[in-house]
Amino acid sequence: MKKNIKRQIRIAAIVATGVDDLELIIPTDLWRRARFIVDYISIEKKNSVTLAQGTSIKCSLTIDKSNLMQYNAIYLPGGLGSKRFGDDQKLTHYLSKFNEKDQTTPRYILAINESPIILKNLGLLEGKKVAASKEHKDAIGSNFDSKTNVLLSDNIITARATGHAIDFAIETVKILASKKEADDLAKMISYER
C-alpha cells in the first residue's frame, strides 16, 4: 500500500535592508502556519538585516550561499529596500529562471506593493498583469491591474500593498497547495474572506 506523501512547499523570502516589516513578516508567518518551509534569504553580505521600521531579523542564508532552484517560489516583499533586488545579479538570474516556461516543476514569483516594478524592469511581465500600489502605476505601465488586490497571472502572484498581506498569503496557499489548506489557514486565524 502506497502512503500518501504530500509535497512540501518551499518559499525563499528575499530580504534587503529597508524592506517593509509587515510585508515580509505577515505572509511568511502565515505560510509557516500552513506548514510551508520559508527561509529568509539576505541579499546583504550578512545574515542580520534591519527592516524599514527598525525590526532586526536574522536570515537563514545569504543569497551568495543559496540555491534558489530548491524552492517552489521566490517572494519579494516591498518597501524602500526592495529597490535593491534588481541590482543583485544572482537574484535576477533566479527570477529569470523561475519565469521560464519549460520547467518540469512549476515555480512561482511572489511580489507585493512596489516589488512588481523589479519584475517589469527585468522584462518578466510580458503578457502578464500585476497588482501593485496605485502610486506605482506609471512605473509598471500596461501590466498594472487597477481592479484586483491579489492577482495570479501565469506564474506570478502579486498583491497591491501591506493592507492586503493576509489575503495575499492565503491566496498563495490556495494556489501552491489547495483551497482546503487556504480555508483551514483562514479559519485558524479567524479571518473571514
Protein backbone atom coordinates (compact mmCIF):
# COMPACT_ATOMS: atom_id res chain seq x y z
CA MET A 1 0.00 0.00 0.00
CA LYS A 2 1.36 3.40 -1.00
CA LYS A 3 1.49 6.18 1.53
CA ASN A 4 0.00 9.49 0.51
CA ILE A 5 3.14 11.63 0.58
CA LYS A 6 2.40 15.32 0.43
CA ARG A 7 4.82 17.54 -1.46
CA GLN A 8 6.48 20.10 0.81
CA ILE A 9 6.18 23.71 -0.41
CA ARG A 10 9.34 25.82 -0.02
CA ILE A 11 9.47 29.61 -0.30
CA ALA A 12 12.59 31.78 -0.40
CA ALA A 13 11.68 35.17 1.12
CA ILE A 14 14.26 37.66 -0.12
CA VAL A 15 15.36 40.28 2.40
CA ALA A 16 17.26 43.56 2.00
CA THR A 17 17.86 46.34 4.48
CA GLY A 18 14.77 48.55 4.48
CA VAL A 19 12.12 46.13 3.17
CA ASP A 20 8.70 46.63 4.72
CA ASP A 21 8.37 44.82 8.07
CA LEU A 22 4.72 43.78 7.67
CA GLU A 23 5.06 42.83 4.00
CA LEU A 24 7.84 40.42 4.99
CA ILE A 25 6.53 39.10 8.30
CA ILE A 26 2.76 38.70 7.75
CA PRO A 27 2.91 36.47 4.65
CA THR A 28 5.89 34.42 5.85
CA ASP A 29 4.28 33.82 9.25
CA LEU A 30 1.06 32.66 7.60
CA TRP A 31 2.89 30.40 5.14
CA ARG A 32 4.69 28.78 8.05
CA ARG A 33 1.34 28.21 9.79
CA ALA A 34 0.27 26.45 6.58
CA ARG A 35 3.34 24.23 7.06
CA PHE A 36 5.32 25.68 4.17
CA ILE A 37 9.08 25.83 4.63
CA VAL A 38 10.04 29.51 4.48
CA ASP A 39 13.65 30.68 4.52
CA TYR A 40 14.71 34.30 4.81
CA ILE A 41 17.48 34.88 2.25
CA SER A 42 19.52 38.07 2.64
CA ILE A 43 20.95 39.94 -0.35
CA GLU A 44 23.25 41.69 2.11
CA LYS A 45 26.72 40.36 2.92
CA LYS A 46 25.48 39.35 6.38
CA ASN A 47 22.59 37.33 7.80
CA SER A 48 21.34 40.06 10.16
CA VAL A 49 19.14 42.65 8.42
CA THR A 50 17.27 45.72 9.68
CA LEU A 51 13.83 46.26 8.15
CA ALA A 52 12.14 49.60 7.36
CA GLN A 53 10.65 50.15 10.82
CA GLY A 54 13.80 49.09 12.68
CA THR A 55 12.95 45.42 13.23
CA SER A 56 16.12 43.35 13.12
CA ILE A 57 15.87 39.82 11.77
CA LYS A 58 18.33 37.00 11.22
CA CYS A 59 18.16 35.37 7.80
CA SER A 60 18.73 31.65 7.23
CA LEU A 61 21.22 32.29 4.43
CA THR A 62 22.77 34.96 2.28
CA ILE A 63 22.00 34.92 -1.44
CA ASP A 64 25.59 34.09 -2.36
CA LYS A 65 25.31 30.80 -0.41
CA SER A 66 21.86 29.89 -1.72
CA ASN A 67 20.49 27.67 -4.46
CA LEU A 68 17.05 29.13 -5.06
CA MET A 69 16.17 26.33 -7.51
CA GLN A 70 15.37 24.16 -4.48
CA TYR A 71 12.35 26.40 -3.78
CA ASN A 72 8.86 26.43 -5.27
CA ALA A 73 8.59 30.21 -5.00
CA ILE A 74 10.65 33.35 -4.54
CA TYR A 75 8.97 36.09 -2.50
CA LEU A 76 9.85 39.77 -2.93
CA PRO A 77 8.40 41.97 -0.16
CA GLY A 78 8.02 45.70 -0.83
CA GLY A 79 9.38 48.75 0.94
CA LEU A 80 12.23 51.06 0.02
CA GLY A 81 14.78 48.26 0.40
CA SER A 82 13.09 46.27 -2.35
CA LYS A 83 14.56 48.66 -4.94
CA ARG A 84 17.87 46.86 -4.46
CA PHE A 85 16.51 43.47 -5.55
CA GLY A 86 17.06 44.38 -9.20
CA ASP A 87 20.75 45.11 -8.53
CA ASP A 88 21.57 41.63 -7.23
CA GLN A 89 22.80 39.56 -10.20
CA LYS A 90 22.28 36.18 -8.54
CA LEU A 91 18.70 37.06 -7.56
CA THR A 92 17.84 38.42 -11.01
CA HIS A 93 19.29 35.24 -12.56
CA TYR A 94 16.99 33.10 -10.40
CA LEU A 95 13.96 35.29 -11.10
CA SER A 96 14.57 34.81 -14.83
CA LYS A 97 14.94 31.04 -14.35
CA PHE A 98 11.67 30.90 -12.36
CA ASN A 99 9.93 32.74 -15.19
CA GLU A 100 10.93 30.20 -17.88
CA LYS A 101 8.03 28.31 -19.42
CA ASP A 102 9.62 24.86 -19.87
CA GLN A 103 10.14 23.87 -16.24
CA THR A 104 9.33 20.37 -15.04
CA THR A 105 8.48 21.75 -11.58
CA PRO A 106 6.10 24.73 -11.51
CA ARG A 107 7.77 27.73 -9.86
CA TYR A 108 6.22 30.98 -8.76
CA ILE A 109 7.35 34.55 -8.20
CA LEU A 110 5.51 36.33 -5.40
CA ALA A 111 5.64 40.12 -5.07
CA ILE A 112 3.81 42.85 -3.16
CA ASN A 113 3.47 46.63 -3.40
CA GLU A 114 6.43 48.10 -5.36
CA SER A 115 8.28 44.81 -5.94
CA PRO A 116 6.48 44.15 -9.26
CA ILE A 117 8.48 47.13 -10.59
CA ILE A 118 11.59 44.93 -10.32
CA LEU A 119 9.85 42.27 -12.42
CA LYS A 120 8.85 44.89 -15.00
CA ASN A 121 12.40 46.25 -15.20
CA LEU A 122 13.74 42.71 -15.73
CA GLY A 123 11.32 42.11 -18.62
CA LEU A 124 9.47 39.34 -16.75
CA LEU A 125 5.95 40.74 -17.16
CA GLU A 126 5.43 40.25 -20.89
CA GLY A 127 1.77 39.32 -21.38
CA LYS A 128 1.11 39.44 -17.63
CA LYS A 129 -0.81 41.70 -15.27
CA VAL A 130 0.15 42.59 -11.70
CA ALA A 131 -1.48 44.08 -8.64
CA ALA A 132 0.57 46.85 -7.05
CA SER A 133 0.10 50.05 -5.11
CA LYS A 134 -1.59 52.73 -7.27
CA GLU A 135 1.38 55.04 -6.79
CA HIS A 136 3.45 52.58 -8.88
CA LYS A 137 1.05 52.52 -11.85
CA ASP A 138 3.30 54.62 -14.10
CA ALA A 139 6.40 52.52 -13.37
CA ILE A 140 4.52 49.29 -14.13
CA GLY A 141 2.70 50.66 -17.17
CA SER A 142 0.32 48.45 -19.15
CA ASN A 143 0.99 45.48 -16.85
CA PHE A 144 -0.77 47.29 -13.98
CA ASP A 145 -4.18 45.91 -12.95
CA SER A 146 -6.26 48.56 -11.19
CA LYS A 147 -9.14 46.31 -10.14
CA THR A 148 -7.55 43.45 -8.22
CA ASN A 149 -5.94 43.38 -4.78
CA VAL A 150 -4.32 39.94 -5.19
CA LEU A 151 -3.66 38.58 -8.66
CA LEU A 152 -2.33 35.40 -10.26
CA SER A 153 -1.03 35.98 -13.79
CA ASP A 154 0.70 32.91 -15.21
CA ASN A 155 3.31 32.06 -12.53
CA ILE A 156 3.40 35.46 -10.82
CA ILE A 157 1.28 36.19 -7.74
CA THR A 158 1.11 39.84 -6.69
CA ALA A 159 -0.67 41.97 -4.11
CA ARG A 160 -1.44 45.66 -4.05
CA ALA A 161 0.02 46.71 -0.66
CA THR A 162 0.54 45.96 3.03
CA GLY A 163 -3.19 46.03 3.76
CA HIS A 164 -3.65 43.02 1.50
CA ALA A 165 -0.86 40.89 3.02
CA ILE A 166 -3.22 38.41 4.70
CA ASP A 167 -5.30 37.91 1.52
CA PHE A 168 -2.05 37.55 -0.44
CA ALA A 169 -0.70 34.87 1.91
CA ILE A 170 -3.95 32.90 1.95
CA GLU A 171 -4.35 33.10 -1.85
CA THR A 172 -0.76 31.89 -2.23
CA VAL A 173 -1.58 28.86 -0.06
CA LYS A 174 -4.63 28.19 -2.25
CA ILE A 175 -2.53 28.33 -5.44
CA LEU A 176 0.56 26.46 -4.23
CA ALA A 177 -1.24 23.90 -2.03
CA SER A 178 -5.06 23.74 -2.10
CA LYS A 179 -8.27 25.61 -1.40
CA LYS A 180 -8.85 23.44 1.67
CA GLU A 181 -5.48 24.37 3.14
CA ALA A 182 -6.16 28.05 2.42
CA ASP A 183 -9.58 27.78 4.09
CA ASP A 184 -8.03 25.97 7.07
CA LEU A 185 -5.43 28.74 7.43
CA ALA A 186 -8.10 31.46 7.31
CA LYS A 187 -10.12 29.60 9.94
CA MET A 188 -7.02 29.11 12.12
CA ILE A 189 -6.53 32.89 12.37
CA SER A 190 -10.29 33.69 12.49
CA TYR A 191 -10.05 35.51 9.17
CA GLU A 192 -13.18 35.91 7.07
CA ARG A 193 -12.68 36.32 3.33
